[in-house]
Structures are given as C-alpha cells and as structure tokens.
Amino acid sequence: MDKVPTRVDGRFRLGDMLGSGLYTVVYHAQNIIKDNAVAIKLEPINHSSSMQREYRILKNLEGGIGIPCALWFDRESAYHTLVLDLLGPSLHHIFLAHNQKFNLDTVVNLGDQLVSWCVYCHRTRRSLTPSLQPLIFQHAAGSSATQQ
C-alpha cells in the first residue's frame, strides 16, 4: 500500500489497524472535532473500487440495528476512503474471547439478530431479495445433521 495518511478530511486522525481484506484496510480513528471514535476503510485508488457502492448501500440502510452510519466518502491521498461509525467488537473477536465456543443462548441470539436484520433490509429498504420468505432460511435437523 502507498503511504497511509495520518488524517482524513482534516478531522479524522488514524489510529491502530482493526483489520484488513483483500484490497482494503480498516483503521480505528478519532474525530478530532467531535471527539468520538470512528472506523476508516482505505482502498488504493489504483484498484477498481466498490467502496462508493458500499457507501450508497449503507446510506440507504441507515437506522437499522447493527448497521454502521456512513459518515463520509471521498478520495484521500492515494485512497478511496470510507468513514463509518465504530460499532462494537467483531463477531470474530467475541468468538476468540470466549475460547472459540459460543453457548446455545449466544447462538440463538445471533440467529435472531440475523433474521431481524434480513427482515429490516427486505421490508424497509428492499436491499436483499424481492422474495424473502421463511422457506429460504434452513437449518440442519434430523439424524444426518446430528451425526456430523
């Protein structure tokens, strides 16, 4: 990656890296004007970007539980830059913190949140599929599932 900027849009100061993907890196950052924490996603400009589409989708889904508010999108230095509300720890970090095991209550809670999120996206914003029905949600049941 090119030299990472220390500030974005003059008001966000980059901190530690939170994670990375194939082309993007996500940083913890501080809004120096409002004094709140945010997440900043950087992607090199020389790569074909889907970040602007991601920004538009997040703006469309704003208000849903667990959906970060997209605060700003533009180019900064040699990067496409997306600034988001910083949510809590990732599911991966929570999993590691619980010795790579979730109890039944946690799994049920996660499933409930996932279905609620899908229903929100479908009913409110029409972002997932035009035919969201109970039949598309499946679970493993029966003798073959318990043997695996």
Protein backbone atom coordinates (compact mmCIF):
# COMPACT_ATOMS: atom_id res chain seq x y z
CA MET A 1 0.00 0.00 0.00
CA ASP A 2 1.00 3.60 -0.55
CA LYS A 3 1.84 5.82 2.40
CA VAL A 4 -1.22 5.87 4.62
CA PRO A 5 -2.46 9.37 5.51
CA THR A 6 -2.36 10.31 9.18
CA ARG A 7 -5.51 12.42 8.82
CA VAL A 8 -8.59 12.07 6.65
CA ASP A 9 -10.77 15.02 5.63
CA GLY A 10 -8.80 17.15 8.09
CA ARG A 11 -10.90 15.92 11.01
CA PHE A 12 -10.22 12.19 11.41
CA ARG A 13 -6.89 11.06 12.90
CA LEU A 14 -5.97 7.47 12.07
CA GLY A 15 -5.02 5.07 14.84
CA ASP A 16 -4.42 1.33 15.01
CA MET A 17 -5.39 -1.08 12.27
CA LEU A 18 -8.58 -3.02 13.07
CA GLY A 19 -8.48 -5.46 10.19
CA SER A 20 -7.89 -5.93 6.51
CA GLY A 21 -9.32 -7.58 3.45
CA LEU A 22 -8.02 -8.35 0.01
CA TYR A 23 -7.73 -4.70 -1.04
CA THR A 24 -8.87 -2.70 1.99
CA VAL A 25 -7.55 -1.89 5.43
CA VAL A 26 -9.76 -0.69 8.28
CA TYR A 27 -8.38 1.64 10.95
CA HIS A 28 -9.61 2.87 14.28
CA ALA A 29 -9.70 6.68 14.09
CA GLN A 30 -10.68 9.69 16.17
CA ASN A 31 -12.89 12.56 15.04
CA ILE A 32 -10.82 15.45 16.46
CA ILE A 33 -13.74 17.90 16.18
CA LYS A 34 -16.49 15.81 17.85
CA ASP A 35 -14.05 13.71 19.93
CA ASN A 36 -15.63 10.38 19.04
CA ALA A 37 -14.24 7.13 17.66
CA VAL A 38 -14.88 6.06 14.08
CA ALA A 39 -13.70 3.37 11.66
CA ILE A 40 -11.94 4.34 8.45
CA LYS A 41 -11.70 1.99 5.48
CA LEU A 42 -8.93 2.67 2.95
CA GLU A 43 -8.61 1.16 -0.51
CA PRO A 44 -5.90 2.08 -3.04
CA ILE A 45 -7.24 4.20 -5.90
CA ASN A 46 -5.37 2.09 -8.46
CA HIS A 47 -7.77 -0.77 -7.71
CA SER A 48 -11.27 -0.93 -9.18
CA SER A 49 -13.39 0.10 -6.21
CA SER A 50 -16.80 -0.96 -4.97
CA MET A 51 -16.47 1.35 -1.97
CA GLN A 52 -18.72 4.08 -3.41
CA ARG A 53 -21.45 1.47 -3.94
CA GLU A 54 -20.92 0.27 -0.36
CA TYR A 55 -21.31 3.89 0.83
CA ARG A 56 -24.62 4.28 -1.06
CA ILE A 57 -25.95 0.96 0.30
CA LEU A 58 -25.03 1.91 3.88
CA LYS A 59 -26.71 5.31 3.46
CA ASN A 60 -29.82 3.51 2.22
CA LEU A 61 -29.81 1.10 5.19
CA GLU A 62 -29.06 3.76 7.83
CA GLY A 63 -31.07 3.39 11.01
CA GLY A 64 -31.05 -0.38 11.25
CA ILE A 65 -29.61 -2.08 14.31
CA GLY A 66 -26.05 -3.21 13.70
CA ILE A 67 -25.67 -1.16 10.52
CA PRO A 68 -22.95 1.48 10.81
CA CYS A 69 -23.72 5.03 9.78
CA ALA A 70 -21.64 6.01 6.74
CA LEU A 71 -20.26 9.43 7.67
CA TRP A 72 -18.07 10.36 4.71
CA PHE A 73 -16.77 9.00 1.41
CA ASP A 74 -14.20 10.53 -0.94
CA ARG A 75 -10.59 10.25 -2.05
CA GLU A 76 -7.81 10.99 0.38
CA SER A 77 -4.24 10.88 -0.84
CA ALA A 78 -3.98 7.69 -2.93
CA TYR A 79 -7.03 6.01 -1.38
CA HIS A 80 -10.77 5.66 -1.69
CA THR A 81 -11.81 6.44 1.88
CA LEU A 82 -14.98 5.49 3.76
CA VAL A 83 -15.60 6.78 7.30
CA LEU A 84 -18.08 4.78 9.40
CA ASP A 85 -19.46 4.76 12.91
CA LEU A 86 -17.35 2.43 15.02
CA LEU A 87 -19.53 -0.41 16.22
CA GLY A 88 -18.59 -2.86 18.96
CA PRO A 89 -16.12 -5.75 18.66
CA SER A 90 -16.42 -8.07 15.67
CA LEU A 91 -18.05 -11.46 15.96
CA HIS A 92 -14.60 -12.97 15.38
CA HIS A 93 -13.13 -11.09 18.36
CA ILE A 94 -16.04 -12.13 20.58
CA PHE A 95 -15.61 -15.75 19.46
CA LEU A 96 -11.90 -15.66 20.32
CA ALA A 97 -12.63 -14.02 23.69
CA HIS A 98 -14.95 -16.94 24.54
CA ASN A 99 -12.31 -19.63 23.84
CA GLN A 100 -13.71 -20.24 20.35
CA LYS A 101 -17.01 -21.53 21.70
CA PHE A 102 -20.46 -19.97 21.85
CA ASN A 103 -23.13 -21.27 24.18
CA LEU A 104 -26.65 -22.01 22.96
CA ASP A 105 -28.04 -18.66 24.16
CA THR A 106 -25.42 -16.77 22.15
CA VAL A 107 -26.10 -18.80 19.00
CA VAL A 108 -29.87 -18.28 19.33
CA ASN A 109 -29.33 -14.55 19.91
CA LEU A 110 -27.10 -14.31 16.82
CA GLY A 111 -29.66 -16.17 14.70
CA ASP A 112 -32.45 -13.91 15.95
CA GLN A 113 -30.39 -10.80 15.11
CA LEU A 114 -29.55 -12.14 11.65
CA VAL A 115 -33.18 -12.85 10.78
CA SER A 116 -34.26 -9.45 12.19
CA TRP A 117 -31.58 -7.74 10.10
CA CYS A 118 -32.70 -9.57 6.94
CA VAL A 119 -36.33 -8.64 7.57
CA TYR A 120 -35.35 -4.99 8.15
CA CYS A 121 -33.38 -4.86 4.90
CA HIS A 122 -36.17 -6.52 2.97
CA ARG A 123 -39.18 -4.64 4.36
CA THR A 124 -37.69 -1.22 4.82
CA ARG A 125 -35.17 -0.85 2.07
CA ARG A 126 -35.68 -3.66 -0.46
CA SER A 127 -31.95 -4.40 -0.45
CA LEU A 128 -31.70 -8.16 -0.28
CA THR A 129 -34.16 -10.06 -2.40
CA PRO A 130 -37.65 -9.43 -3.76
CA SER A 131 -38.94 -12.70 -2.29
CA LEU A 132 -37.77 -13.03 1.30
CA GLN A 133 -39.76 -15.96 2.67
CA PRO A 134 -39.34 -18.39 5.56
CA LEU A 135 -38.52 -21.17 3.07
CA ILE A 136 -35.13 -19.65 2.21
CA PHE A 137 -33.99 -19.96 5.84
CA GLN A 138 -32.94 -23.51 6.57
CA HIS A 139 -31.42 -25.27 9.49
CA ALA A 140 -29.86 -28.66 9.96
CA ALA A 141 -32.28 -31.07 11.58
CA GLY A 142 -32.78 -34.77 11.76
CA SER A 143 -30.47 -37.73 12.11
CA SER A 144 -27.96 -36.75 9.40
CA ALA A 145 -27.37 -33.33 10.95
CA THR A 146 -26.72 -34.66 14.43
CA GLN A 147 -24.19 -37.19 13.14
CA GLN A 148 -21.91 -34.56 11.58
